[in-house]
Amino acid sequence: RCLNPKWRKMLNTELDAYVGIDLEKIQSIGYASEVILRGFFFPEQTVHAEAPEPMPAGFCHFTGSFPRPWQSLSAGERRYRSLIGNDIDRIRLVPFQRAHVVDAKDIIDSVKRLRSKAEMERETVKSDHPELSEQELMDLGMLRYPEIPPSVYWEGGTEFTVVRINWSSFTNDEIVNYFRSWVKANRPERFPGPNRKGHKLNDWRAHLTRLAVLRLLSHFTALEIVDPRQNRCPAVWKTKAFAGDKWGDANKWYDARREAKNTFFKLFPFLSPEDLPLAWNPSSPAK
């Protein structure tokens, strides 16, 4: 619910009267996008045809009830969506697999665009220096013919590329060993190897706690929350998330709010800095 409503302006498809979105932008978030997209295209309270059968408690796992405020979802819906990250039977997150035809088209379009840009830059250099030959411009480093790899990169850290595999001359082990060396030499600098920090259950619980802080500070100051004389939010201190001495320090609340904002932009890297969470209150202290 903390999402800025501007994200809904990314509508550009005609899936149905309910909603259509720019899937590439949402999927650029990475694996976490599955939590948002599952059930997203179905009217509220309806069930997808391939959803699991209702459990004895009477709820169905896979509905169109998201995105909505998390606490407004049924306990079953929350439990199901919290486990999507481990649902490898239906969402296969693998490091390497064959791409699709549409990805090939994206690669071709990207290469054409980059080639056209490079050619325009060369023509500009030539027109600016008519007295020099093409070879002279190249010798001076002013005329460049950059290598354009047949690849497309998503913000979420996925590369679609073209490869050549010599199946007839090498064994599987030889191909795998060479691929290991190739990966080490060609990993993009902007996508360093993940250290798995932030993927532990406790880390995500900490993110949710900071989100709660962000929302609380949109209604109260930290002093109103932590000062026992004011006692504005007595229910907060009954929750396990806010156990511990550190939450008695008002400054820790503002630190947590800043961390929540940072996490927000990591999850949604395509947003501009002005697209702040709805619960971000610029008038409250310690922005």
C-alpha atoms as a PDB file:
ATOM      1  CA  ARG A   1       0.000   0.000   0.000  1.00  0.00           C
ATOM      2  CA  CYS A   2       3.049   2.240   0.387  1.00  0.00           C
ATOM      3  CA  LEU A   3       3.477   2.301  -3.392  1.00  0.00           C
ATOM      4  CA  ASN A   4       3.046   5.690  -4.989  1.00  0.00           C
ATOM      5  CA  PRO A   5      -0.099   5.708  -7.184  1.00  0.00           C
ATOM      6  CA  LYS A   6       1.977   7.000 -10.120  1.00  0.00           C
ATOM      7  CA  TRP A   7       3.095   3.425 -10.779  1.00  0.00           C
ATOM      8  CA  ARG A   8      -0.390   2.656 -12.032  1.00  0.00           C
ATOM      9  CA  LYS A   9       0.193   5.131 -14.855  1.00  0.00           C
ATOM     10  CA  MET A  10       2.420   2.520 -16.466  1.00  0.00           C
ATOM     11  CA  LEU A  11      -0.700   1.032 -18.017  1.00  0.00           C
ATOM     12  CA  ASN A  12      -0.022   0.275 -21.643  1.00  0.00           C
ATOM     13  CA  THR A  13      -1.646  -3.046 -22.451  1.00  0.00           C
ATOM     14  CA  GLU A  14      -5.183  -4.186 -23.159  1.00  0.00           C
ATOM     15  CA  LEU A  15      -5.384  -7.335 -21.081  1.00  0.00           C
ATOM     16  CA  ASP A  16      -8.886  -6.588 -19.829  1.00  0.00           C
ATOM     17  CA  ALA A  17     -10.955  -3.885 -18.177  1.00  0.00           C
ATOM     18  CA  TYR A  18      -9.399  -4.597 -14.804  1.00  0.00           C
ATOM     19  CA  VAL A  19      -5.770  -3.617 -15.283  1.00  0.00           C
ATOM     20  CA  GLY A  20      -2.799  -3.785 -17.624  1.00  0.00           C
ATOM     21  CA  ILE A  21       0.735  -2.768 -16.727  1.00  0.00           C
ATOM     22  CA  ASP A  22       4.185  -2.449 -18.188  1.00  0.00           C
ATOM     23  CA  LEU A  23       5.312  -5.936 -17.237  1.00  0.00           C
ATOM     24  CA  GLU A  24       8.939  -5.322 -18.111  1.00  0.00           C
ATOM     25  CA  LYS A  25       9.206  -2.555 -15.525  1.00  0.00           C
ATOM     26  CA  ILE A  26       7.569  -4.615 -12.813  1.00  0.00           C
ATOM     27  CA  GLN A  27       9.622  -7.709 -13.680  1.00  0.00           C
ATOM     28  CA  SER A  28      12.826  -5.643 -13.631  1.00  0.00           C
ATOM     29  CA  ILE A  29      12.460  -5.765  -9.844  1.00  0.00           C
ATOM     30  CA  GLY A  30      13.632  -9.363 -10.090  1.00  0.00           C
ATOM     31  CA  TYR A  31      12.282 -12.440  -8.348  1.00  0.00           C
ATOM     32  CA  ALA A  32      10.298 -10.347  -5.848  1.00  0.00           C
ATOM     33  CA  SER A  33       8.014  -9.238  -8.692  1.00  0.00           C
ATOM     34  CA  GLU A  34       6.314 -12.640  -8.526  1.00  0.00           C
ATOM     35  CA  VAL A  35       4.790 -11.646  -5.178  1.00  0.00           C
ATOM     36  CA  ILE A  36       3.141  -8.633  -6.833  1.00  0.00           C
ATOM     37  CA  LEU A  37       2.142 -10.191 -10.151  1.00  0.00           C
ATOM     38  CA  ARG A  38       0.579 -13.399  -8.878  1.00  0.00           C
ATOM     39  CA  GLY A  39      -3.157 -12.834  -8.953  1.00  0.00           C
ATOM     40  CA  PHE A  40      -2.705  -9.199 -10.000  1.00  0.00           C
ATOM     41  CA  PHE A  41      -4.719  -9.475 -13.208  1.00  0.00           C
ATOM     42  CA  PHE A  42      -7.853 -10.869 -11.618  1.00  0.00           C
ATOM     43  CA  PRO A  43     -10.687  -8.887 -10.024  1.00  0.00           C
ATOM     44  CA  GLU A  44     -10.668  -8.828  -6.251  1.00  0.00           C
ATOM     45  CA  GLN A  45     -11.785 -11.958  -4.435  1.00  0.00           C
ATOM     46  CA  THR A  46     -11.793 -14.063  -7.624  1.00  0.00           C
ATOM     47  CA  VAL A  47      -9.690 -17.188  -8.005  1.00  0.00           C
ATOM     48  CA  HIS A  48      -7.368 -18.153 -10.823  1.00  0.00           C
ATOM     49  CA  ALA A  49      -8.378 -21.298 -12.702  1.00  0.00           C
ATOM     50  CA  GLU A  50      -5.082 -23.000 -11.832  1.00  0.00           C
ATOM     51  CA  ALA A  51      -5.142 -22.042  -8.169  1.00  0.00           C
ATOM     52  CA  PRO A  52      -4.726 -24.807  -5.569  1.00  0.00           C
ATOM     53  CA  GLU A  53      -7.853 -26.204  -4.027  1.00  0.00           C
ATOM     54  CA  PRO A  54      -9.082 -24.374  -0.888  1.00  0.00           C
ATOM     55  CA  MET A  55      -7.583 -25.629   2.307  1.00  0.00           C
ATOM     56  CA  PRO A  56      -9.772 -26.937   5.152  1.00  0.00           C
ATOM     57  CA  ALA A  57      -9.834 -23.466   6.688  1.00  0.00           C
ATOM     58  CA  GLY A  58     -11.833 -22.303   3.665  1.00  0.00           C
ATOM     59  CA  PHE A  59      -9.393 -19.911   2.008  1.00  0.00           C
ATOM     60  CA  CYS A  60      -7.908 -20.135  -1.459  1.00  0.00           C
ATOM     61  CA  HIS A  61      -4.214 -19.379  -1.872  1.00  0.00           C
ATOM     62  CA  PHE A  62      -4.194 -17.684  -5.251  1.00  0.00           C
ATOM     63  CA  THR A  63      -6.642 -14.795  -5.534  1.00  0.00           C
ATOM     64  CA  GLY A  64      -6.836 -11.325  -7.024  1.00  0.00           C
ATOM     65  CA  SER A  65      -6.687  -9.667  -3.626  1.00  0.00           C
ATOM     66  CA  PHE A  66      -3.216  -8.207  -4.059  1.00  0.00           C
ATOM     67  CA  PRO A  67      -1.890  -5.546  -4.010  1.00  0.00           C
ATOM     68  CA  ARG A  68      -3.954  -4.485  -1.040  1.00  0.00           C
ATOM     69  CA  PRO A  69      -2.947  -3.621   2.522  1.00  0.00           C
ATOM     70  CA  TRP A  70      -1.157  -6.733   3.767  1.00  0.00           C
ATOM     71  CA  GLN A  71      -3.135  -6.986   6.993  1.00  0.00           C
ATOM     72  CA  SER A  72      -6.427  -6.862   5.062  1.00  0.00           C
ATOM     73  CA  LEU A  73      -5.599 -10.148   3.299  1.00  0.00           C
ATOM     74  CA  SER A  74      -6.751 -13.399   4.807  1.00  0.00           C
ATOM     75  CA  ALA A  75      -4.290 -15.330   6.941  1.00  0.00           C
ATOM     76  CA  GLY A  76      -4.108 -17.981   4.225  1.00  0.00           C
ATOM     77  CA  GLU A  77      -3.392 -15.443   1.511  1.00  0.00           C
ATOM     78  CA  ARG A  78      -0.575 -13.893   3.569  1.00  0.00           C
ATOM     79  CA  ARG A  79       0.897 -17.292   4.381  1.00  0.00           C
ATOM     80  CA  TYR A  80       0.847 -18.321   0.725  1.00  0.00           C
ATOM     81  CA  ARG A  81       2.412 -15.118  -0.598  1.00  0.00           C
ATOM     82  CA  SER A  82       5.105 -15.084   2.085  1.00  0.00           C
ATOM     83  CA  LEU A  83       6.319 -18.462   0.768  1.00  0.00           C
ATOM     84  CA  ILE A  84       6.467 -17.522  -2.923  1.00  0.00           C
ATOM     85  CA  GLY A  85      10.214 -17.007  -2.622  1.00  0.00           C
ATOM     86  CA  ASN A  86      10.599 -20.753  -1.927  1.00  0.00           C
ATOM     87  CA  ASP A  87       7.987 -21.915  -4.441  1.00  0.00           C
ATOM     88  CA  ILE A  88      10.528 -23.361  -6.888  1.00  0.00           C
ATOM     89  CA  ASP A  89       8.102 -26.001  -8.127  1.00  0.00           C
ATOM     90  CA  ARG A  90       6.021 -23.356  -9.897  1.00  0.00           C
ATOM     91  CA  ILE A  91       8.439 -20.404 -10.117  1.00  0.00           C
ATOM     92  CA  ARG A  92      11.750 -21.675 -11.414  1.00  0.00           C
ATOM     93  CA  LEU A  93      14.587 -19.324 -10.558  1.00  0.00           C
ATOM     94  CA  VAL A  94      17.625 -20.818 -12.282  1.00  0.00           C
ATOM     95  CA  PRO A  95      20.940 -19.170 -13.225  1.00  0.00           C
ATOM     96  CA  PHE A  96      20.916 -20.264 -16.880  1.00  0.00           C
ATOM     97  CA  GLN A  97      18.228 -21.299 -19.343  1.00  0.00           C
ATOM     98  CA  ARG A  98      17.235 -20.879 -22.985  1.00  0.00           C
ATOM     99  CA  ALA A  99      15.494 -17.584 -23.767  1.00  0.00           C
ATOM    100  CA  HIS A 100      12.349 -17.022 -25.868  1.00  0.00           C
ATOM    101  CA  VAL A 101      11.740 -15.762 -29.382  1.00  0.00           C
ATOM    102  CA  VAL A 102      10.597 -12.357 -28.107  1.00  0.00           C
ATOM    103  CA  ASP A 103      13.961 -12.004 -26.352  1.00  0.00           C
ATOM    104  CA  ALA A 104      15.725 -12.524 -29.683  1.00  0.00           C
ATOM    105  CA  LYS A 105      13.722  -9.672 -31.159  1.00  0.00           C
ATOM    106  CA  ASP A 106      14.704  -7.431 -28.230  1.00  0.00           C
ATOM    107  CA  ILE A 107      18.368  -8.250 -28.850  1.00  0.00           C
ATOM    108  CA  ILE A 108      18.093  -7.414 -32.557  1.00  0.00           C
ATOM    109  CA  ASP A 109      16.321  -4.123 -31.807  1.00  0.00           C
ATOM    110  CA  SER A 110      18.952  -3.206 -29.215  1.00  0.00           C
ATOM    111  CA  VAL A 111      21.876  -3.978 -31.531  1.00  0.00           C
ATOM    112  CA  LYS A 112      20.312  -1.960 -34.360  1.00  0.00           C
ATOM    113  CA  ARG A 113      19.760   0.981 -32.040  1.00  0.00           C
ATOM    114  CA  LEU A 114      23.333   0.912 -30.697  1.00  0.00           C
ATOM    115  CA  ARG A 115      24.777   0.561 -34.201  1.00  0.00           C
ATOM    116  CA  SER A 116      22.740   3.509 -35.412  1.00  0.00           C
ATOM    117  CA  LYS A 117      23.903   5.614 -32.475  1.00  0.00           C
ATOM    118  CA  ALA A 118      27.565   4.710 -33.081  1.00  0.00           C
ATOM    119  CA  GLU A 119      27.261   5.530 -36.785  1.00  0.00           C
ATOM    120  CA  MET A 120      25.718   8.923 -36.040  1.00  0.00           C
ATOM    121  CA  GLU A 121      28.570   9.696 -33.641  1.00  0.00           C
ATOM    122  CA  ARG A 122      31.145   8.756 -36.310  1.00  0.00           C
ATOM    123  CA  GLU A 123      29.445  10.937 -38.912  1.00  0.00           C
ATOM    124  CA  THR A 124      29.487  13.832 -36.450  1.00  0.00           C
ATOM    125  CA  VAL A 125      33.236  13.398 -35.884  1.00  0.00           C
ATOM    126  CA  LYS A 126      33.885  13.272 -39.636  1.00  0.00           C
ATOM    127  CA  SER A 127      31.864  16.415 -40.298  1.00  0.00           C
ATOM    128  CA  ASP A 128      33.625  18.256 -37.475  1.00  0.00           C
ATOM    129  CA  HIS A 129      37.074  17.361 -38.902  1.00  0.00           C
ATOM    130  CA  PRO A 130      36.781  17.336 -42.724  1.00  0.00           C
ATOM    131  CA  GLU A 131      40.507  17.977 -43.061  1.00  0.00           C
ATOM    132  CA  LEU A 132      41.385  14.572 -41.558  1.00  0.00           C
ATOM    133  CA  SER A 133      40.988  11.208 -43.229  1.00  0.00           C
ATOM    134  CA  GLU A 134      39.102   8.367 -41.595  1.00  0.00           C
ATOM    135  CA  GLN A 135      42.365   6.552 -40.838  1.00  0.00           C
ATOM    136  CA  GLU A 136      43.828   9.674 -39.231  1.00  0.00           C
ATOM    137  CA  LEU A 137      40.748  10.070 -37.068  1.00  0.00           C
ATOM    138  CA  MET A 138      41.067   6.451 -35.995  1.00  0.00           C
ATOM    139  CA  ASP A 139      44.773   6.843 -35.218  1.00  0.00           C
ATOM    140  CA  LEU A 140      43.947   9.851 -33.045  1.00  0.00           C
ATOM    141  CA  GLY A 141      41.301   7.854 -31.187  1.00  0.00           C
ATOM    142  CA  MET A 142      38.553  10.196 -32.326  1.00  0.00           C
ATOM    143  CA  LEU A 143      36.759   7.712 -34.559  1.00  0.00           C
ATOM    144  CA  ARG A 144      35.594   4.595 -32.781  1.00  0.00           C
ATOM    145  CA  TYR A 145      34.021   1.330 -33.875  1.00  0.00           C
ATOM    146  CA  PRO A 146      32.863  -0.089 -30.547  1.00  0.00           C
ATOM    147  CA  GLU A 147      32.103  -3.755 -30.157  1.00  0.00           C
ATOM    148  CA  ILE A 148      28.355  -4.152 -29.730  1.00  0.00           C
ATOM    149  CA  PRO A 149      27.590  -7.394 -27.892  1.00  0.00           C
ATOM    150  CA  PRO A 150      24.342  -9.142 -28.869  1.00  0.00           C
ATOM    151  CA  SER A 151      22.861  -8.723 -25.406  1.00  0.00           C
ATOM    152  CA  VAL A 152      20.012  -7.045 -23.566  1.00  0.00           C
ATOM    153  CA  TYR A 153      20.252  -6.352 -19.829  1.00  0.00           C
ATOM    154  CA  TRP A 154      17.335  -5.979 -17.436  1.00  0.00           C
ATOM    155  CA  GLU A 155      17.559  -3.762 -14.369  1.00  0.00           C
ATOM    156  CA  GLY A 156      16.872  -6.790 -12.202  1.00  0.00           C
ATOM    157  CA  GLY A 157      20.214  -8.297 -13.267  1.00  0.00           C
ATOM    158  CA  THR A 158      19.252 -10.660 -16.111  1.00  0.00           C
ATOM    159  CA  GLU A 159      21.127 -10.777 -19.413  1.00  0.00           C
ATOM    160  CA  PHE A 160      19.684 -12.144 -22.656  1.00  0.00           C
ATOM    161  CA  THR A 161      22.423 -12.854 -25.143  1.00  0.00           C
ATOM    162  CA  VAL A 162      23.487 -14.905 -28.168  1.00  0.00           C
ATOM    163  CA  VAL A 163      25.960 -17.753 -27.678  1.00  0.00           C
ATOM    164  CA  ARG A 164      27.735 -20.282 -29.883  1.00  0.00           C
ATOM    165  CA  ILE A 165      28.201 -23.798 -28.505  1.00  0.00           C
ATOM    166  CA  ASN A 166      30.406 -26.301 -30.293  1.00  0.00           C
ATOM    167  CA  TRP A 167      28.553 -29.437 -29.231  1.00  0.00           C
ATOM    168  CA  SER A 168      30.297 -31.717 -31.740  1.00  0.00           C
ATOM    169  CA  SER A 169      33.878 -31.073 -30.596  1.00  0.00           C
ATOM    170  CA  PHE A 170      33.648 -30.912 -26.801  1.00  0.00           C
ATOM    171  CA  THR A 171      32.266 -33.017 -23.982  1.00  0.00           C
ATOM    172  CA  ASN A 172      29.717 -31.696 -21.508  1.00  0.00           C
ATOM    173  CA  ASP A 173      32.398 -31.327 -18.828  1.00  0.00           C
ATOM    174  CA  GLU A 174      34.676 -29.401 -21.190  1.00  0.00           C
ATOM    175  CA  ILE A 175      31.850 -27.036 -22.126  1.00  0.00           C
ATOM    176  CA  VAL A 176      30.876 -26.539 -18.468  1.00  0.00           C
ATOM    177  CA  ASN A 177      34.473 -25.825 -17.420  1.00  0.00           C
ATOM    178  CA  TYR A 178      34.900 -23.254 -20.183  1.00  0.00           C
ATOM    179  CA  PHE A 179      31.542 -21.681 -19.335  1.00  0.00           C
ATOM    180  CA  ARG A 180      32.703 -21.247 -15.729  1.00  0.00           C
ATOM    181  CA  SER A 181      35.733 -19.285 -16.937  1.00  0.00           C
ATOM    182  CA  TRP A 182      33.604 -17.288 -19.373  1.00  0.00           C
ATOM    183  CA  VAL A 183      31.167 -16.271 -16.616  1.00  0.00           C
ATOM    184  CA  LYS A 184      33.994 -15.031 -14.372  1.00  0.00           C
ATOM    185  CA  ALA A 185      35.428 -12.963 -17.233  1.00  0.00           C
ATOM    186  CA  ASN A 186      32.110 -11.557 -18.447  1.00  0.00           C
ATOM    187  CA  ARG A 187      30.028 -10.813 -15.344  1.00  0.00           C
ATOM    188  CA  PRO A 188      28.896  -7.156 -15.751  1.00  0.00           C
ATOM    189  CA  GLU A 189      30.429  -4.827 -13.173  1.00  0.00           C
ATOM    190  CA  ARG A 190      27.026  -3.367 -12.327  1.00  0.00           C
ATOM    191  CA  PHE A 191      25.790  -6.846 -11.315  1.00  0.00           C
ATOM    192  CA  PRO A 192      28.396  -8.140  -8.829  1.00  0.00           C
ATOM    193  CA  GLY A 193      27.898 -11.565  -7.355  1.00  0.00           C
ATOM    194  CA  PRO A 194      25.188 -11.450  -4.652  1.00  0.00           C
ATOM    195  CA  ASN A 195      26.381 -12.078  -1.119  1.00  0.00           C
ATOM    196  CA  ARG A 196      22.877 -13.279  -0.141  1.00  0.00           C
ATOM    197  CA  LYS A 197      22.572 -10.451   2.358  1.00  0.00           C
ATOM    198  CA  GLY A 198      18.938  -9.368   2.512  1.00  0.00           C
ATOM    199  CA  HIS A 199      17.621 -12.771   1.461  1.00  0.00           C
ATOM    200  CA  LYS A 200      17.439 -14.274   4.934  1.00  0.00           C
ATOM    201  CA  LEU A 201      14.066 -14.510   6.613  1.00  0.00           C
ATOM    202  CA  ASN A 202      15.212 -12.317   9.506  1.00  0.00           C
ATOM    203  CA  ASP A 203      16.387  -9.627   7.075  1.00  0.00           C
ATOM    204  CA  TRP A 204      12.977  -9.448   5.428  1.00  0.00           C
ATOM    205  CA  ARG A 205      11.300  -9.302   8.840  1.00  0.00           C
ATOM    206  CA  ALA A 206      13.553  -6.345   9.633  1.00  0.00           C
ATOM    207  CA  HIS A 207      12.441  -4.697   6.374  1.00  0.00           C
ATOM    208  CA  LEU A 208       8.796  -5.185   7.387  1.00  0.00           C
ATOM    209  CA  THR A 209       9.483  -3.696  10.812  1.00  0.00           C
ATOM    210  CA  ARG A 210      11.026  -0.635   9.167  1.00  0.00           C
ATOM    211  CA  LEU A 211       7.988  -0.380   6.919  1.00  0.00           C
ATOM    212  CA  ALA A 212       5.808  -0.332  10.027  1.00  0.00           C
ATOM    213  CA  VAL A 213       7.999   2.468  11.387  1.00  0.00           C
ATOM    214  CA  LEU A 214       7.582   4.402   8.142  1.00  0.00           C
ATOM    215  CA  ARG A 215       3.809   4.170   8.387  1.00  0.00           C
ATOM    216  CA  LEU A 216       3.652   5.042  12.078  1.00  0.00           C
ATOM    217  CA  LEU A 217       5.796   8.126  11.550  1.00  0.00           C
ATOM    218  CA  SER A 218       3.345   9.372   8.941  1.00  0.00           C
ATOM    219  CA  HIS A 219       0.845   9.851  11.809  1.00  0.00           C
ATOM    220  CA  PHE A 220       2.977  10.446  14.905  1.00  0.00           C
ATOM    221  CA  THR A 221       6.369  11.818  15.831  1.00  0.00           C
ATOM    222  CA  ALA A 222       8.855   9.368  17.298  1.00  0.00           C
ATOM    223  CA  LEU A 223       8.616  11.124  20.642  1.00  0.00           C
ATOM    224  CA  GLU A 224       4.854  10.583  20.747  1.00  0.00           C
ATOM    225  CA  ILE A 225       5.455   6.871  20.187  1.00  0.00           C
ATOM    226  CA  VAL A 226       8.327   6.263  22.616  1.00  0.00           C
ATOM    227  CA  ASP A 227       7.392   8.663  25.428  1.00  0.00           C
ATOM    228  CA  PRO A 228       5.416   6.595  27.988  1.00  0.00           C
ATOM    229  CA  ARG A 229       3.758   9.766  29.266  1.00  0.00           C
ATOM    230  CA  GLN A 230       2.112  10.356  25.902  1.00  0.00           C
ATOM    231  CA  ASN A 231       1.422   6.677  25.212  1.00  0.00           C
ATOM    232  CA  ARG A 232       0.025   7.354  21.726  1.00  0.00           C
ATOM    233  CA  CYS A 233       0.678   3.835  20.375  1.00  0.00           C
ATOM    234  CA  PRO A 234       0.373   1.316  23.237  1.00  0.00           C
ATOM    235  CA  ALA A 235      -0.228  -1.590  20.832  1.00  0.00           C
ATOM    236  CA  VAL A 236       3.248  -1.157  19.332  1.00  0.00           C
ATOM    237  CA  TRP A 237       4.982  -2.291  22.496  1.00  0.00           C
ATOM    238  CA  LYS A 238       2.955  -5.494  22.639  1.00  0.00           C
ATOM    239  CA  THR A 239       4.431  -6.779  19.360  1.00  0.00           C
ATOM    240  CA  LYS A 240       7.546  -8.924  19.107  1.00  0.00           C
ATOM    241  CA  ALA A 241       8.939  -6.762  16.288  1.00  0.00           C
ATOM    242  CA  PHE A 242       9.430  -3.791  18.612  1.00  0.00           C
ATOM    243  CA  ALA A 243      10.862  -5.699  21.541  1.00  0.00           C
ATOM    244  CA  GLY A 244      14.248  -4.485  22.730  1.00  0.00           C
ATOM    245  CA  ASP A 245      15.753  -1.373  24.235  1.00  0.00           C
ATOM    246  CA  LYS A 246      16.749   0.290  20.963  1.00  0.00           C
ATOM    247  CA  TRP A 247      13.167   1.228  20.085  1.00  0.00           C
ATOM    248  CA  GLY A 248      13.007   3.457  23.127  1.00  0.00           C
ATOM    249  CA  ASP A 249      15.392   5.830  21.329  1.00  0.00           C
ATOM    250  CA  ALA A 250      13.482   8.253  19.077  1.00  0.00           C
ATOM    251  CA  ASN A 251      16.477   8.617  16.753  1.00  0.00           C
ATOM    252  CA  LYS A 252      16.356   4.882  15.966  1.00  0.00           C
ATOM    253  CA  TRP A 253      12.861   5.357  14.557  1.00  0.00           C
ATOM    254  CA  TYR A 254      14.035   7.955  12.076  1.00  0.00           C
ATOM    255  CA  ASP A 255      17.028   5.786  11.161  1.00  0.00           C
ATOM    256  CA  ALA A 256      14.631   2.890  10.473  1.00  0.00           C
ATOM    257  CA  ARG A 257      12.423   5.139   8.364  1.00  0.00           C
ATOM    258  CA  ARG A 258      15.388   6.130   6.181  1.00  0.00           C
ATOM    259  CA  GLU A 259      16.305   2.461   5.770  1.00  0.00           C
ATOM    260  CA  ALA A 260      12.706   1.707   4.726  1.00  0.00           C
ATOM    261  CA  LYS A 261      12.929   4.382   2.025  1.00  0.00           C
ATOM    262  CA  ASN A 262      16.241   2.963   0.785  1.00  0.00           C
ATOM    263  CA  THR A 263      14.737  -0.527   0.607  1.00  0.00           C
ATOM    264  CA  PHE A 264      11.734   0.882  -1.269  1.00  0.00           C
ATOM    265  CA  PHE A 265      13.964   2.219  -4.059  1.00  0.00           C
ATOM    266  CA  LYS A 266      16.028  -0.983  -4.170  1.00  0.00           C
ATOM    267  CA  LEU A 267      12.851  -2.978  -4.735  1.00  0.00           C
ATOM    268  CA  PHE A 268      11.542  -0.538  -7.340  1.00  0.00           C
ATOM    269  CA  PRO A 269      14.667   0.770  -9.131  1.00  0.00           C
ATOM    270  CA  PHE A 270      12.674   2.187 -12.057  1.00  0.00           C
ATOM    271  CA  LEU A 271      11.008   4.838  -9.870  1.00  0.00           C
ATOM    272  CA  SER A 272      12.323   8.387  -9.818  1.00  0.00           C
ATOM    273  CA  PRO A 273      13.553   9.916  -6.534  1.00  0.00           C
ATOM    274  CA  GLU A 274      10.340  11.967  -6.386  1.00  0.00           C
ATOM    275  CA  ASP A 275       8.154   8.837  -6.318  1.00  0.00           C
ATOM    276  CA  LEU A 276       8.235   8.439  -2.557  1.00  0.00           C
ATOM    277  CA  PRO A 277       6.112   5.954  -0.598  1.00  0.00           C
ATOM    278  CA  LEU A 278       2.647   7.253   0.239  1.00  0.00           C
ATOM    279  CA  ALA A 279       3.450   6.970   3.943  1.00  0.00           C
ATOM    280  CA  TRP A 280       6.525   9.203   3.648  1.00  0.00           C
ATOM    281  CA  ASN A 281       5.604  12.361   5.544  1.00  0.00           C
ATOM    282  CA  PRO A 282       7.923  15.211   4.526  1.00  0.00           C
ATOM    283  CA  SER A 283       6.612  17.437   7.319  1.00  0.00           C
ATOM    284  CA  SER A 284       7.668  15.084  10.110  1.00  0.00           C
ATOM    285  CA  PRO A 285      11.119  15.451  11.714  1.00  0.00           C
ATOM    286  CA  ALA A 286      14.374  13.906  10.484  1.00  0.00           C
ATOM    287  CA  LYS A 287      13.550  13.487   6.821  1.00  0.00           C
END
